């Protein structure tokens, strides 16, 4: 798990701002979307 996190940090450093924005947006939107989906069932 620790090696996964360190590789993620290393990858993050090489990411472009656009890729970072998309990744953060996806991580933020995923739980909100799943919650909204559950509420509409």
PDB file of N, CA and C in Angstrom:
ATOM      1  N   UNK A   1       0.838  -1.204   0.000  1.00  0.00           N
ATOM      2  CA  UNK A   1       0.000   0.000   0.000  1.00  0.00           C
ATOM      3  C   UNK A   1       0.871   1.252   0.000  1.00  0.00           C
ATOM      4  N   UNK A   2       1.931   1.206   0.814  1.00  0.00           N
ATOM      5  CA  UNK A   2       2.815   2.369   0.893  1.00  0.00           C
ATOM      6  C   UNK A   2       3.521   2.603  -0.443  1.00  0.00           C
ATOM      7  N   UNK A   3       3.914   1.515  -1.108  1.00  0.00           N
ATOM      8  CA  UNK A   3       4.582   1.651  -2.411  1.00  0.00           C
ATOM      9  C   UNK A   3       3.608   2.215  -3.446  1.00  0.00           C
ATOM     10  N   UNK A   4       2.342   1.831  -3.320  1.00  0.00           N
ATOM     11  CA  UNK A   4       1.320   2.358  -4.224  1.00  0.00           C
ATOM     12  C   UNK A   4       1.185   3.869  -4.053  1.00  0.00           C
ATOM     13  N   UNK A   5       1.177   4.311  -2.792  1.00  0.00           N
ATOM     14  CA  UNK A   5       1.045   5.744  -2.523  1.00  0.00           C
ATOM     15  C   UNK A   5       2.257   6.518  -3.009  1.00  0.00           C
ATOM     16  N   UNK A   6       3.446   5.952  -2.813  1.00  0.00           N
ATOM     17  CA  UNK A   6       4.659   6.656  -3.247  1.00  0.00           C
ATOM     18  C   UNK A   6       4.720   6.737  -4.769  1.00  0.00           C
ATOM     19  N   UNK A   7       4.277   5.678  -5.454  1.00  0.00           N
ATOM     20  CA  UNK A   7       4.258   5.723  -6.920  1.00  0.00           C
ATOM     21  C   UNK A   7       3.199   6.710  -7.399  1.00  0.00           C
ATOM     22  N   UNK A   8       2.100   6.806  -6.657  1.00  0.00           N
ATOM     23  CA  UNK A   8       1.048   7.759  -7.003  1.00  0.00           C
ATOM     24  C   UNK A   8       1.561   9.186  -6.864  1.00  0.00           C
ATOM     25  N   UNK A   9       2.310   9.449  -5.785  1.00  0.00           N
ATOM     26  CA  UNK A   9       2.887  10.783  -5.594  1.00  0.00           C
ATOM     27  C   UNK A   9       3.880  11.101  -6.699  1.00  0.00           C
ATOM     28  N   UNK A  10       4.672  10.105  -7.098  1.00  0.00           N
ATOM     29  CA  UNK A  10       5.659  10.322  -8.156  1.00  0.00           C
ATOM     30  C   UNK A  10       4.941  10.598  -9.480  1.00  0.00           C
ATOM     31  N   UNK A  11       3.881   9.849  -9.760  1.00  0.00           N
ATOM     32  CA  UNK A  11       3.100  10.072 -10.980  1.00  0.00           C
ATOM     33  C   UNK A  11       2.453  11.455 -10.948  1.00  0.00           C
ATOM     34  N   UNK A  12       1.928  11.819  -9.773  1.00  0.00           N
ATOM     35  CA  UNK A  12       1.246  13.112  -9.611  1.00  0.00           C
ATOM     36  C   UNK A  12       2.175  14.260  -9.980  1.00  0.00           C
ATOM     37  N   UNK A  13       3.453  14.141  -9.610  1.00  0.00           N
ATOM     38  CA  UNK A  13       4.425  15.199  -9.891  1.00  0.00           C
ATOM     39  C   UNK A  13       4.626  15.386 -11.392  1.00  0.00           C
ATOM     40  N   UNK A  14       4.407  14.312 -12.159  1.00  0.00           N
ATOM     41  CA  UNK A  14       4.632  14.392 -13.603  1.00  0.00           C
ATOM     42  C   UNK A  14       3.344  14.697 -14.376  1.00  0.00           C
ATOM     43  N   UNK A  15       2.234  14.778 -13.655  1.00  0.00           N
ATOM     44  CA  UNK A  15       0.970  15.067 -14.320  1.00  0.00           C
ATOM     45  C   UNK A  15       0.878  16.532 -14.724  1.00  0.00           C
ATOM     46  N   UNK A  16       0.129  16.776 -15.784  1.00  0.00           N
ATOM     47  CA  UNK A  16      -0.124  18.157 -16.198  1.00  0.00           C
ATOM     48  C   UNK A  16      -1.278  18.719 -15.363  1.00  0.00           C
ATOM     49  N   UNK A  17      -1.398  20.041 -15.294  1.00  0.00           N
ATOM     50  CA  UNK A  17      -2.509  20.643 -14.535  1.00  0.00           C
ATOM     51  C   UNK A  17      -3.883  20.157 -14.990  1.00  0.00           C
ATOM     52  N   UNK A  18      -4.043  19.928 -16.275  1.00  0.00           N
ATOM     53  CA  UNK A  18      -5.333  19.464 -16.790  1.00  0.00           C
ATOM     54  C   UNK A  18      -5.648  18.070 -16.256  1.00  0.00           C
ATOM     55  N   UNK A  19      -4.639  17.187 -16.278  1.00  0.00           N
ATOM     56  CA  UNK A  19      -4.840  15.828 -15.766  1.00  0.00           C
ATOM     57  C   UNK A  19      -5.170  15.855 -14.276  1.00  0.00           C
ATOM     58  N   UNK A  20      -4.492  16.731 -13.538  1.00  0.00           N
ATOM     59  CA  UNK A  20      -4.764  16.852 -12.099  1.00  0.00           C
ATOM     60  C   UNK A  20      -6.185  17.326 -11.861  1.00  0.00           C
ATOM     61  N   UNK A  21      -6.621  18.313 -12.648  1.00  0.00           N
ATOM     62  CA  UNK A  21      -7.976  18.854 -12.509  1.00  0.00           C
ATOM     63  C   UNK A  21      -9.017  17.764 -12.776  1.00  0.00           C
ATOM     64  N   UNK A  22      -8.788  16.980 -13.832  1.00  0.00           N
ATOM     65  CA  UNK A  22      -9.714  15.901 -14.179  1.00  0.00           C
ATOM     66  C   UNK A  22      -9.749  14.850 -13.072  1.00  0.00           C
ATOM     67  N   UNK A  23      -8.567  14.495 -12.552  1.00  0.00           N
ATOM     68  CA  UNK A  23      -8.493  13.478 -11.498  1.00  0.00           C
ATOM     69  C   UNK A  23      -9.213  13.940 -10.235  1.00  0.00           C
ATOM     70  N   UNK A  24      -8.958  15.185  -9.826  1.00  0.00           N
ATOM     71  CA  UNK A  24      -9.606  15.722  -8.625  1.00  0.00           C
ATOM     72  C   UNK A  24     -11.117  15.821  -8.838  1.00  0.00           C
ATOM     73  N   UNK A  25     -11.517  16.260 -10.018  1.00  0.00           N
ATOM     74  CA  UNK A  25     -12.935  16.368 -10.324  1.00  0.00           C
ATOM     75  C   UNK A  25     -13.619  15.010 -10.308  1.00  0.00           C
ATOM     76  N   UNK A  26     -12.942  13.997 -10.824  1.00  0.00           N
ATOM     77  CA  UNK A  26     -13.504  12.649 -10.849  1.00  0.00           C
ATOM     78  C   UNK A  26     -13.657  12.102  -9.439  1.00  0.00           C
ATOM     79  N   UNK A  27     -12.614  12.284  -8.625  1.00  0.00           N
ATOM     80  CA  UNK A  27     -12.644  11.788  -7.244  1.00  0.00           C
ATOM     81  C   UNK A  27     -13.726  12.503  -6.435  1.00  0.00           C
ATOM     82  N   UNK A  28     -13.942  13.784  -6.748  1.00  0.00           N
ATOM     83  CA  UNK A  28     -14.961  14.556  -6.037  1.00  0.00           C
ATOM     84  C   UNK A  28     -16.366  14.200  -6.525  1.00  0.00           C
ATOM     85  N   UNK A  29     -16.513  14.002  -7.828  1.00  0.00           N
ATOM     86  CA  UNK A  29     -17.833  13.764  -8.410  1.00  0.00           C
ATOM     87  C   UNK A  29     -18.334  12.339  -8.178  1.00  0.00           C
ATOM     88  N   UNK A  30     -17.431  11.375  -8.102  1.00  0.00           N
ATOM     89  CA  UNK A  30     -17.837   9.973  -7.976  1.00  0.00           C
ATOM     90  C   UNK A  30     -18.719   9.713  -6.748  1.00  0.00           C
ATOM     91  N   UNK A  31     -18.294  10.101  -5.534  1.00  0.00           N
ATOM     92  CA  UNK A  31     -19.165   9.849  -4.377  1.00  0.00           C
ATOM     93  C   UNK A  31     -20.464  10.643  -4.419  1.00  0.00           C
ATOM     94  N   UNK A  32     -20.415  11.857  -4.955  1.00  0.00           N
ATOM     95  CA  UNK A  32     -21.623  12.680  -5.062  1.00  0.00           C
ATOM     96  C   UNK A  32     -22.606  12.031  -6.036  1.00  0.00           C
ATOM     97  N   UNK A  33     -22.087  11.544  -7.154  1.00  0.00           N
ATOM     98  CA  UNK A  33     -22.942  10.909  -8.156  1.00  0.00           C
ATOM     99  C   UNK A  33     -23.551   9.618  -7.612  1.00  0.00           C
ATOM    100  N   UNK A  34     -22.754   8.827  -6.895  1.00  0.00           N
ATOM    101  CA  UNK A  34     -23.276   7.577  -6.346  1.00  0.00           C
ATOM    102  C   UNK A  34     -24.326   7.859  -5.277  1.00  0.00           C
ATOM    103  N   UNK A  35     -24.106   8.897  -4.478  1.00  0.00           N
ATOM    104  CA  UNK A  35     -25.076   9.270  -3.452  1.00  0.00           C
ATOM    105  C   UNK A  35     -26.379   9.734  -4.096  1.00  0.00           C
ATOM    106  N   UNK A  36     -26.273  10.558  -5.127  1.00  0.00           N
ATOM    107  CA  UNK A  36     -27.459  11.041  -5.830  1.00  0.00           C
ATOM    108  C   UNK A  36     -28.212   9.879  -6.476  1.00  0.00           C
ATOM    109  N   UNK A  37     -27.466   8.912  -7.008  1.00  0.00           N
ATOM    110  CA  UNK A  37     -28.090   7.742  -7.631  1.00  0.00           C
ATOM    111  C   UNK A  37     -28.867   6.939  -6.594  1.00  0.00           C
ATOM    112  N   UNK A  38     -28.268   6.759  -5.406  1.00  0.00           N
ATOM    113  CA  UNK A  38     -28.946   6.009  -4.349  1.00  0.00           C
ATOM    114  C   UNK A  38     -30.206   6.737  -3.874  1.00  0.00           C
ATOM    115  N   UNK A  39     -30.147   8.057  -3.824  1.00  0.00           N
ATOM    116  CA  UNK A  39     -31.296   8.831  -3.352  1.00  0.00           C
ATOM    117  C   UNK A  39     -32.450   8.805  -4.348  1.00  0.00           C
ATOM    118  N   UNK A  40     -32.146   8.594  -5.630  1.00  0.00           N
ATOM    119  CA  UNK A  40     -33.203   8.597  -6.646  1.00  0.00           C
ATOM    120  C   UNK A  40     -33.804   7.213  -6.858  1.00  0.00           C
ATOM    121  N   UNK A  41     -33.262   6.200  -6.205  1.00  0.00           N
ATOM    122  CA  UNK A  41     -33.813   4.852  -6.369  1.00  0.00           C
ATOM    123  C   UNK A  41     -35.190   4.738  -5.713  1.00  0.00           C
TER     124      UNK A  41
END
